[in-house]
Structures are given as C-alpha cells and as structure tokens.
Amino acid sequence: MANKAIEEAIIGIEEDLPRNLRQLRKDRHFSQKDLADRSEVDIRNISAIERGHRKHVSTKTLAKLAYGLGCRAGDLVRAKQDARSQNKIEPLLDDCILALRTIKAQIQ
C-alpha cells in the first residue's frame, strides 16, 4: 500500500517538475541560459527537464535549480492545488525524504 502511494507520488513529481520549472523560470523572466548561469546546471539539462525528457533528476540538481530560481526545491515538484490535494502529497513527500535519509545513513 505504501509502495503504491510512493510510486504515485513519484509519477506525480515527474509530471509536475517540467511544468513547475518552466513556470517558475518564466515568472522570473529568466531565459534557460539565465537559469543555467544562476544555478550552475547545464542549459541542456534544463531544457530536457522542461520538455519532460529527464525522468530522473537528482536532489542536487533540484537544489541547484531551486537556488537559481530563489525558491524551495519542493516548489519545483509540488503539484498545483487544483491538480492534486496538497493534503495527500505532502505526507508522501515527507515519507520519501525520510526514506532517503534512512538509506543515506545506512550507506555511510
């Protein structure tokens, strides 16, 4: 049950990230090159993410993009309120973060 919920959250993130990245960038009147310069993420990666061609984006890249945009990484992956209930996605994101921290601690 939890795995299915996490899988649905990941699919949602994959759908939301390209749209949110593009919208946040445009809201700030940044070109892809502007964002690449500000975030130190290659412009080809930004373009691929926005087009939905990069399904797996590292947390490091998300953090760099968020820094370059002046927002939180969660803003890049968070679903629009009307698209999916925030009350459902927030706990799933928290569970994913906790699971990743646990795995990282076990590896170290």
C-alpha atoms as a PDB file:
ATOM      1  CA  MET A   1       0.000   0.000   0.000  1.00  0.00           C
ATOM      2  CA  ALA A   2       2.733   2.475   0.961  1.00  0.00           C
ATOM      3  CA  ASN A   3       4.808   1.475  -2.083  1.00  0.00           C
ATOM      4  CA  LYS A   4       1.875   2.201  -4.391  1.00  0.00           C
ATOM      5  CA  ALA A   5       1.381   5.596  -2.750  1.00  0.00           C
ATOM      6  CA  ILE A   6       5.075   6.417  -3.123  1.00  0.00           C
ATOM      7  CA  GLU A   7       5.014   5.250  -6.751  1.00  0.00           C
ATOM      8  CA  GLU A   8       2.017   7.515  -7.447  1.00  0.00           C
ATOM      9  CA  ALA A   9       3.817  10.431  -5.785  1.00  0.00           C
ATOM     10  CA  ILE A  10       6.918   9.849  -7.926  1.00  0.00           C
ATOM     11  CA  ILE A  11       4.826   9.739 -11.091  1.00  0.00           C
ATOM     12  CA  GLY A  12       3.171  12.985  -9.985  1.00  0.00           C
ATOM     13  CA  ILE A  13       6.551  14.585  -9.407  1.00  0.00           C
ATOM     14  CA  GLU A  14       7.719  13.517 -12.878  1.00  0.00           C
ATOM     15  CA  GLU A  15       4.652  15.213 -14.357  1.00  0.00           C
ATOM     16  CA  ASP A  16       4.808  18.336 -12.184  1.00  0.00           C
ATOM     17  CA  LEU A  17       8.538  19.118 -12.360  1.00  0.00           C
ATOM     18  CA  PRO A  18       8.696  20.098 -16.055  1.00  0.00           C
ATOM     19  CA  ARG A  19       5.642  22.360 -15.791  1.00  0.00           C
ATOM     20  CA  ASN A  20       6.682  23.942 -12.490  1.00  0.00           C
ATOM     21  CA  LEU A  21      10.282  24.546 -13.557  1.00  0.00           C
ATOM     22  CA  ARG A  22       9.198  26.259 -16.758  1.00  0.00           C
ATOM     23  CA  GLN A  23       6.526  28.333 -14.994  1.00  0.00           C
ATOM     24  CA  LEU A  24       8.798  29.451 -12.147  1.00  0.00           C
ATOM     25  CA  ARG A  25      11.517  30.362 -14.648  1.00  0.00           C
ATOM     26  CA  LYS A  26       9.119  32.348 -16.811  1.00  0.00           C
ATOM     27  CA  ASP A  27       7.574  34.051 -13.756  1.00  0.00           C
ATOM     28  CA  ARG A  28      11.038  35.430 -13.010  1.00  0.00           C
ATOM     29  CA  HIS A  29      11.598  36.433 -16.668  1.00  0.00           C
ATOM     30  CA  PHE A  30      14.645  34.145 -16.874  1.00  0.00           C
ATOM     31  CA  SER A  31      15.748  32.505 -20.080  1.00  0.00           C
ATOM     32  CA  GLN A  32      17.047  28.962 -19.812  1.00  0.00           C
ATOM     33  CA  LYS A  33      20.550  30.427 -20.134  1.00  0.00           C
ATOM     34  CA  ASP A  34      19.866  32.852 -17.267  1.00  0.00           C
ATOM     35  CA  LEU A  35      18.796  29.953 -15.074  1.00  0.00           C
ATOM     36  CA  ALA A  36      21.760  27.845 -16.169  1.00  0.00           C
ATOM     37  CA  ASP A  37      24.141  30.652 -15.182  1.00  0.00           C
ATOM     38  CA  ARG A  38      22.414  31.262 -11.847  1.00  0.00           C
ATOM     39  CA  SER A  39      22.050  27.597 -10.879  1.00  0.00           C
ATOM     40  CA  GLU A  40      25.196  26.117 -12.444  1.00  0.00           C
ATOM     41  CA  VAL A  41      23.020  23.483 -14.147  1.00  0.00           C
ATOM     42  CA  ASP A  42      23.790  22.836 -17.814  1.00  0.00           C
ATOM     43  CA  ILE A  43      21.301  24.511 -20.151  1.00  0.00           C
ATOM     44  CA  ARG A  44      20.782  21.181 -21.967  1.00  0.00           C
ATOM     45  CA  ASN A  45      19.669  19.599 -18.694  1.00  0.00           C
ATOM     46  CA  ILE A  46      17.250  22.449 -18.007  1.00  0.00           C
ATOM     47  CA  SER A  47      15.799  22.132 -21.489  1.00  0.00           C
ATOM     48  CA  ALA A  48      15.452  18.342 -21.172  1.00  0.00           C
ATOM     49  CA  ILE A  49      13.762  18.633 -17.772  1.00  0.00           C
ATOM     50  CA  GLU A  50      11.306  21.249 -19.019  1.00  0.00           C
ATOM     51  CA  ARG A  51      10.419  19.065 -22.024  1.00  0.00           C
ATOM     52  CA  GLY A  52       9.904  16.054 -19.748  1.00  0.00           C
ATOM     53  CA  HIS A  53      12.807  14.133 -21.283  1.00  0.00           C
ATOM     54  CA  ARG A  54      14.684  13.762 -17.982  1.00  0.00           C
ATOM     55  CA  LYS A  55      12.660  11.493 -15.722  1.00  0.00           C
ATOM     56  CA  HIS A  56      15.326  11.151 -13.031  1.00  0.00           C
ATOM     57  CA  VAL A  57      16.611  14.412 -11.599  1.00  0.00           C
ATOM     58  CA  SER A  58      18.975  14.267  -8.647  1.00  0.00           C
ATOM     59  CA  THR A  59      18.237  16.091  -5.425  1.00  0.00           C
ATOM     60  CA  LYS A  60      21.479  18.014  -6.006  1.00  0.00           C
ATOM     61  CA  THR A  61      20.180  19.290  -9.354  1.00  0.00           C
ATOM     62  CA  LEU A  62      16.807  20.144  -7.808  1.00  0.00           C
ATOM     63  CA  ALA A  63      18.575  22.085  -5.069  1.00  0.00           C
ATOM     64  CA  LYS A  64      20.700  23.994  -7.600  1.00  0.00           C
ATOM     65  CA  LEU A  65      17.653  24.850  -9.716  1.00  0.00           C
ATOM     66  CA  ALA A  66      15.743  25.996  -6.639  1.00  0.00           C
ATOM     67  CA  TYR A  67      18.681  28.171  -5.585  1.00  0.00           C
ATOM     68  CA  GLY A  68      18.884  29.680  -9.058  1.00  0.00           C
ATOM     69  CA  LEU A  69      15.164  30.430  -9.017  1.00  0.00           C
ATOM     70  CA  GLY A  70      15.131  31.674  -5.426  1.00  0.00           C
ATOM     71  CA  CYS A  71      12.545  29.117  -4.332  1.00  0.00           C
ATOM     72  CA  ARG A  72      12.364  25.876  -2.366  1.00  0.00           C
ATOM     73  CA  ALA A  73      13.051  22.547  -4.089  1.00  0.00           C
ATOM     74  CA  GLY A  74       9.567  21.464  -3.028  1.00  0.00           C
ATOM     75  CA  ASP A  75       8.113  24.243  -5.173  1.00  0.00           C
ATOM     76  CA  LEU A  76       9.574  22.530  -8.225  1.00  0.00           C
ATOM     77  CA  VAL A  77       7.955  19.160  -7.559  1.00  0.00           C
ATOM     78  CA  ARG A  78       4.785  20.175  -5.772  1.00  0.00           C
ATOM     79  CA  ALA A  79       1.512  19.628  -7.583  1.00  0.00           C
ATOM     80  CA  LYS A  80      -0.836  22.516  -8.177  1.00  0.00           C
ATOM     81  CA  GLN A  81      -3.520  22.676  -5.508  1.00  0.00           C
ATOM     82  CA  ASP A  82      -6.278  22.057  -8.035  1.00  0.00           C
ATOM     83  CA  ALA A  83      -4.471  19.161  -9.730  1.00  0.00           C
ATOM     84  CA  ARG A  84      -3.957  17.045  -6.630  1.00  0.00           C
ATOM     85  CA  SER A  85      -4.857  17.503  -2.996  1.00  0.00           C
ATOM     86  CA  GLN A  86      -1.922  19.020  -1.113  1.00  0.00           C
ATOM     87  CA  ASN A  87      -3.032  17.091   1.969  1.00  0.00           C
ATOM     88  CA  LYS A  88      -2.306  13.825   0.121  1.00  0.00           C
ATOM     89  CA  ILE A  89       1.023  14.707  -1.475  1.00  0.00           C
ATOM     90  CA  GLU A  90       2.743  16.456   1.475  1.00  0.00           C
ATOM     91  CA  PRO A  91       2.870  13.352   3.733  1.00  0.00           C
ATOM     92  CA  LEU A  92       4.105  11.260   0.798  1.00  0.00           C
ATOM     93  CA  LEU A  93       6.925  13.702   0.102  1.00  0.00           C
ATOM     94  CA  ASP A  94       7.818  13.659   3.791  1.00  0.00           C
ATOM     95  CA  ASP A  95       7.861   9.832   3.726  1.00  0.00           C
ATOM     96  CA  CYS A  96      10.104   9.854   0.644  1.00  0.00           C
ATOM     97  CA  ILE A  97      12.532  12.289   2.273  1.00  0.00           C
ATOM     98  CA  LEU A  98      12.636  10.216   5.464  1.00  0.00           C
ATOM     99  CA  ALA A  99      13.254   7.023   3.470  1.00  0.00           C
ATOM    100  CA  LEU A 100      16.091   8.671   1.528  1.00  0.00           C
ATOM    101  CA  ARG A 101      17.702   9.939   4.735  1.00  0.00           C
ATOM    102  CA  THR A 102      17.467   6.455   6.276  1.00  0.00           C
ATOM    103  CA  ILE A 103      19.082   4.879   3.208  1.00  0.00           C
ATOM    104  CA  LYS A 104      21.824   7.526   3.182  1.00  0.00           C
ATOM    105  CA  ALA A 105      22.546   6.909   6.878  1.00  0.00           C
ATOM    106  CA  GLN A 106      22.780   3.155   6.270  1.00  0.00           C
ATOM    107  CA  ILE A 107      25.198   3.636   3.379  1.00  0.00           C
ATOM    108  CA  GLN A 108      27.511   5.922   5.333  1.00  0.00           C
END
